[in-house]
Amino acid sequence: MILKNIKTLCATALLLCANASATLITFETRGLDHDAPNHGIDNTDFMASWNAQLSAITSTELLDFTRVQSGNDSFSHVQIDLNIDRANTNWIFELGLDAGFGAAVYLDGQLVQSRTDDLWWGYNWNNSDVFTVALNDLTRANKVVDIFWAEHCCNGASSIRFKNDANQWNNLNVASLNAASIPEPTSVALIALGLLGFASRKQFKK
């Protein structure tokens, strides 16, 4: 009975650890306001410009953000909900965008970096129009990364990739984000595995 209870506890702990790393990528688009100056884009505050638009929002949850098209005359928004289980880690994002009005990256609602020039990466990660953003010294916590960009005419496909201290470049997808967020078993999982091994040895000796 004791072994059975410990196994149940261990399974629950491991399940909680796995679920704690769950990452969500949300992709939203909306039309530009053609009656407003500069189509309603203030490239010093993309988040406020997004919120001020009156057009309907199309929203979807993605498993992967590679070669995604926003549509013509569009304002785009990618939100990444991270659950980071390592302290003082540095993340770098590279944004390959079709963004005639520029782009901006926010961390927990605060502007990290923006570009106001006409961006088109041409499907080449070495292109100077690739927008590189570093998020340094992130702590163990839930972090929300918001990326905004806008394009007046065209419908070029956009991609995002990332890396952190322990990983090489990865395409932005849920599986890679989860693997990068928890590079080794958490302490709870290790304790659970230790208890399971101890209980199994006790049971075997009987």
C-alpha atoms as a PDB file:
ATOM      1  CA  MET A   1       0.000   0.000   0.000  1.00  0.00           C
ATOM      2  CA  ILE A   2       2.849   2.406   0.866  1.00  0.00           C
ATOM      3  CA  LEU A   3       4.597   1.687  -2.429  1.00  0.00           C
ATOM      4  CA  LYS A   4       1.361   2.273  -4.318  1.00  0.00           C
ATOM      5  CA  ASN A   5       0.830   5.624  -2.594  1.00  0.00           C
ATOM      6  CA  ILE A   6       4.395   6.714  -3.302  1.00  0.00           C
ATOM      7  CA  LYS A   7       4.039   5.761  -6.958  1.00  0.00           C
ATOM      8  CA  THR A   8       0.865   7.836  -7.181  1.00  0.00           C
ATOM      9  CA  LEU A   9       2.628  10.791  -5.545  1.00  0.00           C
ATOM     10  CA  CYS A  10       5.595  10.480  -7.914  1.00  0.00           C
ATOM     11  CA  ALA A  11       3.401  10.282 -10.993  1.00  0.00           C
ATOM     12  CA  THR A  12       1.500  13.370  -9.875  1.00  0.00           C
ATOM     13  CA  ALA A  13       4.708  15.302  -9.210  1.00  0.00           C
ATOM     14  CA  LEU A  14       6.170  14.417 -12.601  1.00  0.00           C
ATOM     15  CA  LEU A  15       2.930  15.379 -14.333  1.00  0.00           C
ATOM     16  CA  LEU A  16       2.913  18.744 -12.579  1.00  0.00           C
ATOM     17  CA  CYS A  17       6.515  19.357 -13.631  1.00  0.00           C
ATOM     18  CA  ALA A  18       5.692  18.595 -17.242  1.00  0.00           C
ATOM     19  CA  ASN A  19       2.625  20.821 -17.242  1.00  0.00           C
ATOM     20  CA  ALA A  20       4.556  23.668 -15.595  1.00  0.00           C
ATOM     21  CA  SER A  21       6.604  24.062 -18.772  1.00  0.00           C
ATOM     22  CA  ALA A  22       3.579  24.521 -21.017  1.00  0.00           C
ATOM     23  CA  THR A  23       4.106  27.334 -23.501  1.00  0.00           C
ATOM     24  CA  LEU A  24       1.509  29.100 -25.597  1.00  0.00           C
ATOM     25  CA  ILE A  25       2.034  30.957 -28.894  1.00  0.00           C
ATOM     26  CA  THR A  26      -0.877  33.189 -29.889  1.00  0.00           C
ATOM     27  CA  PHE A  27      -0.942  34.866 -33.303  1.00  0.00           C
ATOM     28  CA  GLU A  28      -3.318  37.762 -33.974  1.00  0.00           C
ATOM     29  CA  THR A  29      -3.894  39.982 -36.989  1.00  0.00           C
ATOM     30  CA  ARG A  30      -6.134  42.918 -37.744  1.00  0.00           C
ATOM     31  CA  GLY A  31      -6.603  45.351 -40.613  1.00  0.00           C
ATOM     32  CA  LEU A  32      -4.974  48.777 -40.729  1.00  0.00           C
ATOM     33  CA  ASP A  33      -6.985  51.970 -40.313  1.00  0.00           C
ATOM     34  CA  HIS A  34      -6.677  53.588 -43.745  1.00  0.00           C
ATOM     35  CA  ASP A  35      -8.453  56.767 -42.611  1.00  0.00           C
ATOM     36  CA  ALA A  36      -5.981  57.488 -39.791  1.00  0.00           C
ATOM     37  CA  PRO A  37      -2.618  59.223 -40.269  1.00  0.00           C
ATOM     38  CA  ASN A  38       0.098  56.655 -41.024  1.00  0.00           C
ATOM     39  CA  HIS A  39      -2.689  54.029 -40.960  1.00  0.00           C
ATOM     40  CA  GLY A  40      -2.948  54.377 -37.194  1.00  0.00           C
ATOM     41  CA  ILE A  41       0.642  53.251 -36.592  1.00  0.00           C
ATOM     42  CA  ASP A  42       2.734  55.151 -34.049  1.00  0.00           C
ATOM     43  CA  ASN A  43       6.051  53.334 -34.354  1.00  0.00           C
ATOM     44  CA  THR A  44       7.206  54.716 -31.005  1.00  0.00           C
ATOM     45  CA  ASP A  45       4.438  52.715 -29.289  1.00  0.00           C
ATOM     46  CA  PHE A  46       3.283  49.680 -31.239  1.00  0.00           C
ATOM     47  CA  MET A  47       1.312  48.234 -28.343  1.00  0.00           C
ATOM     48  CA  ALA A  48      -0.799  51.385 -27.958  1.00  0.00           C
ATOM     49  CA  SER A  49      -1.268  51.529 -31.738  1.00  0.00           C
ATOM     50  CA  TRP A  50      -2.492  47.935 -31.768  1.00  0.00           C
ATOM     51  CA  ASN A  51      -4.982  48.623 -28.985  1.00  0.00           C
ATOM     52  CA  ALA A  52      -6.237  51.781 -30.709  1.00  0.00           C
ATOM     53  CA  GLN A  53      -7.133  50.058 -33.990  1.00  0.00           C
ATOM     54  CA  LEU A  54     -10.862  49.531 -34.562  1.00  0.00           C
ATOM     55  CA  SER A  55     -10.700  46.552 -36.912  1.00  0.00           C
ATOM     56  CA  ALA A  56     -11.701  43.036 -35.903  1.00  0.00           C
ATOM     57  CA  ILE A  57      -9.002  40.751 -34.519  1.00  0.00           C
ATOM     58  CA  THR A  58      -8.357  37.291 -35.933  1.00  0.00           C
ATOM     59  CA  SER A  59      -6.692  35.113 -33.291  1.00  0.00           C
ATOM     60  CA  THR A  60      -5.275  31.610 -33.383  1.00  0.00           C
ATOM     61  CA  GLU A  61      -2.996  29.456 -31.232  1.00  0.00           C
ATOM     62  CA  LEU A  62       0.009  28.082 -33.107  1.00  0.00           C
ATOM     63  CA  LEU A  63       2.356  25.183 -32.446  1.00  0.00           C
ATOM     64  CA  ASP A  64       4.960  26.680 -34.778  1.00  0.00           C
ATOM     65  CA  PHE A  65       5.696  30.153 -36.152  1.00  0.00           C
ATOM     66  CA  THR A  66       7.583  29.491 -39.383  1.00  0.00           C
ATOM     67  CA  ARG A  67       6.744  31.152 -42.730  1.00  0.00           C
ATOM     68  CA  VAL A  68       3.462  32.536 -41.428  1.00  0.00           C
ATOM     69  CA  GLN A  69       1.591  35.058 -43.575  1.00  0.00           C
ATOM     70  CA  SER A  70      -0.342  37.920 -42.014  1.00  0.00           C
ATOM     71  CA  GLY A  71      -2.228  39.103 -45.087  1.00  0.00           C
ATOM     72  CA  ASN A  72      -2.153  42.390 -46.985  1.00  0.00           C
ATOM     73  CA  ASP A  73      -2.490  45.705 -45.111  1.00  0.00           C
ATOM     74  CA  SER A  74      -2.165  44.000 -41.767  1.00  0.00           C
ATOM     75  CA  PHE A  75      -1.160  44.686 -38.178  1.00  0.00           C
ATOM     76  CA  SER A  76       0.278  41.563 -36.533  1.00  0.00           C
ATOM     77  CA  HIS A  77       0.828  40.459 -32.951  1.00  0.00           C
ATOM     78  CA  VAL A  78       2.547  37.369 -31.579  1.00  0.00           C
ATOM     79  CA  GLN A  79       2.283  36.667 -27.856  1.00  0.00           C
ATOM     80  CA  ILE A  80       4.533  34.055 -26.241  1.00  0.00           C
ATOM     81  CA  ASP A  81       3.703  32.877 -22.732  1.00  0.00           C
ATOM     82  CA  LEU A  82       6.912  31.464 -21.280  1.00  0.00           C
ATOM     83  CA  ASN A  83       7.318  29.471 -18.086  1.00  0.00           C
ATOM     84  CA  ILE A  84      11.029  29.678 -17.284  1.00  0.00           C
ATOM     85  CA  ASP A  85      12.451  27.270 -14.731  1.00  0.00           C
ATOM     86  CA  ARG A  86      16.029  28.592 -14.701  1.00  0.00           C
ATOM     87  CA  ALA A  87      17.224  31.794 -13.065  1.00  0.00           C
ATOM     88  CA  ASN A  88      19.399  34.431 -14.773  1.00  0.00           C
ATOM     89  CA  THR A  89      19.054  33.030 -18.261  1.00  0.00           C
ATOM     90  CA  ASN A  90      19.557  35.032 -21.449  1.00  0.00           C
ATOM     91  CA  TRP A  91      17.256  34.574 -24.437  1.00  0.00           C
ATOM     92  CA  ILE A  92      17.770  35.963 -27.938  1.00  0.00           C
ATOM     93  CA  PHE A  93      14.985  36.223 -30.496  1.00  0.00           C
ATOM     94  CA  GLU A  94      15.515  36.835 -34.203  1.00  0.00           C
ATOM     95  CA  LEU A  95      12.513  38.130 -36.126  1.00  0.00           C
ATOM     96  CA  GLY A  96      12.342  37.606 -39.868  1.00  0.00           C
ATOM     97  CA  LEU A  97       9.409  39.850 -40.740  1.00  0.00           C
ATOM     98  CA  ASP A  98       7.595  41.603 -43.536  1.00  0.00           C
ATOM     99  CA  ALA A  99       7.099  44.862 -41.646  1.00  0.00           C
ATOM    100  CA  GLY A 100       6.993  48.057 -43.655  1.00  0.00           C
ATOM    101  CA  PHE A 101       6.112  50.118 -40.575  1.00  0.00           C
ATOM    102  CA  GLY A 102       8.726  48.453 -38.356  1.00  0.00           C
ATOM    103  CA  ALA A 103       8.317  46.247 -35.300  1.00  0.00           C
ATOM    104  CA  ALA A 104       8.636  46.179 -31.526  1.00  0.00           C
ATOM    105  CA  VAL A 105       9.167  43.648 -28.750  1.00  0.00           C
ATOM    106  CA  TYR A 106       7.730  43.974 -25.240  1.00  0.00           C
ATOM    107  CA  LEU A 107       8.470  41.928 -22.114  1.00  0.00           C
ATOM    108  CA  ASP A 108       5.682  41.859 -19.529  1.00  0.00           C
ATOM    109  CA  GLY A 109       4.166  44.967 -21.111  1.00  0.00           C
ATOM    110  CA  GLN A 110       7.401  46.990 -21.150  1.00  0.00           C
ATOM    111  CA  LEU A 111       9.098  47.977 -24.396  1.00  0.00           C
ATOM    112  CA  VAL A 112      12.429  46.190 -24.842  1.00  0.00           C
ATOM    113  CA  GLN A 113      13.410  47.252 -28.351  1.00  0.00           C
ATOM    114  CA  SER A 114      11.883  48.556 -31.563  1.00  0.00           C
ATOM    115  CA  ARG A 115      12.808  49.243 -35.159  1.00  0.00           C
ATOM    116  CA  THR A 116      11.078  51.906 -37.216  1.00  0.00           C
ATOM    117  CA  ASP A 117      12.604  51.158 -40.617  1.00  0.00           C
ATOM    118  CA  ASP A 118      10.977  49.159 -43.405  1.00  0.00           C
ATOM    119  CA  LEU A 119      11.820  45.527 -42.634  1.00  0.00           C
ATOM    120  CA  TRP A 120      11.857  42.670 -45.125  1.00  0.00           C
ATOM    121  CA  TRP A 121      14.090  39.746 -44.263  1.00  0.00           C
ATOM    122  CA  GLY A 122      13.855  38.016 -47.638  1.00  0.00           C
ATOM    123  CA  TYR A 123      13.863  34.542 -46.029  1.00  0.00           C
ATOM    124  CA  ASN A 124      17.528  34.984 -45.104  1.00  0.00           C
ATOM    125  CA  TRP A 125      18.599  34.950 -41.447  1.00  0.00           C
ATOM    126  CA  ASN A 126      21.770  36.851 -42.418  1.00  0.00           C
ATOM    127  CA  ASN A 127      19.782  39.745 -43.860  1.00  0.00           C
ATOM    128  CA  SER A 128      20.338  43.086 -42.078  1.00  0.00           C
ATOM    129  CA  ASP A 129      16.552  43.482 -41.824  1.00  0.00           C
ATOM    130  CA  VAL A 130      16.372  40.563 -39.387  1.00  0.00           C
ATOM    131  CA  PHE A 131      15.379  42.145 -36.061  1.00  0.00           C
ATOM    132  CA  THR A 132      17.487  40.751 -33.181  1.00  0.00           C
ATOM    133  CA  VAL A 133      16.312  41.244 -29.591  1.00  0.00           C
ATOM    134  CA  ALA A 134      18.067  40.077 -26.402  1.00  0.00           C
ATOM    135  CA  LEU A 135      16.140  39.395 -23.210  1.00  0.00           C
ATOM    136  CA  ASN A 136      18.770  39.185 -20.487  1.00  0.00           C
ATOM    137  CA  ASP A 137      18.812  37.831 -16.925  1.00  0.00           C
ATOM    138  CA  LEU A 138      15.313  36.377 -16.989  1.00  0.00           C
ATOM    139  CA  THR A 139      14.296  34.870 -13.670  1.00  0.00           C
ATOM    140  CA  ARG A 140      12.227  31.803 -12.775  1.00  0.00           C
ATOM    141  CA  ALA A 141       8.752  33.069 -13.562  1.00  0.00           C
ATOM    142  CA  ASN A 142       6.030  33.287 -16.143  1.00  0.00           C
ATOM    143  CA  LYS A 143       7.083  35.805 -18.762  1.00  0.00           C
ATOM    144  CA  VAL A 144       4.989  37.275 -21.561  1.00  0.00           C
ATOM    145  CA  VAL A 145       6.727  38.339 -24.761  1.00  0.00           C
ATOM    146  CA  ASP A 146       4.682  40.487 -27.157  1.00  0.00           C
ATOM    147  CA  ILE A 147       5.865  41.139 -30.711  1.00  0.00           C
ATOM    148  CA  PHE A 148       4.085  43.690 -32.920  1.00  0.00           C
ATOM    149  CA  TRP A 149       4.662  44.626 -36.547  1.00  0.00           C
ATOM    150  CA  ALA A 150       2.688  46.153 -39.410  1.00  0.00           C
ATOM    151  CA  GLU A 151       2.862  45.997 -43.194  1.00  0.00           C
ATOM    152  CA  HIS A 152       1.019  48.271 -45.634  1.00  0.00           C
ATOM    153  CA  CYS A 153       0.865  46.269 -48.830  1.00  0.00           C
ATOM    154  CA  CYS A 154       2.469  42.915 -49.174  1.00  0.00           C
ATOM    155  CA  ASN A 155       2.043  39.465 -47.732  1.00  0.00           C
ATOM    156  CA  GLY A 156       5.554  38.124 -47.247  1.00  0.00           C
ATOM    157  CA  ALA A 157       5.862  35.232 -44.822  1.00  0.00           C
ATOM    158  CA  SER A 158       7.401  35.840 -41.415  1.00  0.00           C
ATOM    159  CA  SER A 159       9.419  33.536 -39.168  1.00  0.00           C
ATOM    160  CA  ILE A 160      10.819  33.776 -35.650  1.00  0.00           C
ATOM    161  CA  ARG A 161      13.659  31.812 -34.085  1.00  0.00           C
ATOM    162  CA  PHE A 162      15.330  31.868 -30.669  1.00  0.00           C
ATOM    163  CA  LYS A 163      18.119  30.541 -28.504  1.00  0.00           C
ATOM    164  CA  ASN A 164      19.174  30.788 -24.873  1.00  0.00           C
ATOM    165  CA  ASP A 165      22.310  30.005 -22.858  1.00  0.00           C
ATOM    166  CA  ALA A 166      21.854  26.247 -23.183  1.00  0.00           C
ATOM    167  CA  ASN A 167      20.515  25.928 -26.730  1.00  0.00           C
ATOM    168  CA  GLN A 168      21.349  26.559 -30.357  1.00  0.00           C
ATOM    169  CA  TRP A 169      18.979  28.381 -32.712  1.00  0.00           C
ATOM    170  CA  ASN A 170      15.508  26.853 -32.790  1.00  0.00           C
ATOM    171  CA  ASN A 171      12.451  27.746 -34.810  1.00  0.00           C
ATOM    172  CA  LEU A 172       9.796  29.321 -32.628  1.00  0.00           C
ATOM    173  CA  ASN A 173       7.560  26.407 -31.754  1.00  0.00           C
ATOM    174  CA  VAL A 174       5.979  25.059 -28.596  1.00  0.00           C
ATOM    175  CA  ALA A 175       8.134  21.928 -28.398  1.00  0.00           C
ATOM    176  CA  SER A 176      11.413  23.864 -28.663  1.00  0.00           C
ATOM    177  CA  LEU A 177      10.284  26.518 -26.191  1.00  0.00           C
ATOM    178  CA  ASN A 178       9.306  23.902 -23.636  1.00  0.00           C
ATOM    179  CA  ALA A 179      12.603  22.048 -24.056  1.00  0.00           C
ATOM    180  CA  ALA A 180      14.581  25.283 -23.693  1.00  0.00           C
ATOM    181  CA  SER A 181      12.617  26.431 -20.655  1.00  0.00           C
ATOM    182  CA  ILE A 182      13.493  23.347 -18.576  1.00  0.00           C
ATOM    183  CA  PRO A 183      16.852  21.907 -19.660  1.00  0.00           C
ATOM    184  CA  GLU A 184      17.109  19.447 -16.777  1.00  0.00           C
ATOM    185  CA  PRO A 185      14.687  17.721 -14.357  1.00  0.00           C
ATOM    186  CA  THR A 186      13.340  20.013 -11.677  1.00  0.00           C
ATOM    187  CA  SER A 187      14.067  19.403  -8.018  1.00  0.00           C
ATOM    188  CA  VAL A 188      10.524  18.178  -7.444  1.00  0.00           C
ATOM    189  CA  ALA A 189      10.903  15.575 -10.165  1.00  0.00           C
ATOM    190  CA  LEU A 190      14.274  14.438  -8.812  1.00  0.00           C
ATOM    191  CA  ILE A 191      12.854  14.012  -5.311  1.00  0.00           C
ATOM    192  CA  ALA A 192       9.921  12.066  -6.700  1.00  0.00           C
ATOM    193  CA  LEU A 193      12.209   9.746  -8.648  1.00  0.00           C
ATOM    194  CA  GLY A 194      14.377   9.243  -5.561  1.00  0.00           C
ATOM    195  CA  LEU A 195      11.392   8.299  -3.433  1.00  0.00           C
ATOM    196  CA  LEU A 196      10.216   5.865  -6.069  1.00  0.00           C
ATOM    197  CA  GLY A 197      13.621   4.184  -6.198  1.00  0.00           C
ATOM    198  CA  PHE A 198      13.841   3.964  -2.419  1.00  0.00           C
ATOM    199  CA  ALA A 199      10.367   2.495  -2.109  1.00  0.00           C
ATOM    200  CA  SER A 200      11.082  -0.037  -4.857  1.00  0.00           C
ATOM    201  CA  ARG A 201      14.240  -1.211  -3.108  1.00  0.00           C
ATOM    202  CA  LYS A 202      12.366  -1.626   0.198  1.00  0.00           C
ATOM    203  CA  GLN A 203       9.668  -3.620  -1.539  1.00  0.00           C
ATOM    204  CA  PHE A 204      12.250  -5.843  -3.249  1.00  0.00           C
ATOM    205  CA  LYS A 205      14.011  -6.641   0.049  1.00  0.00           C
ATOM    206  CA  LYS A 206      10.746  -7.931   1.462  1.00  0.00           C
END
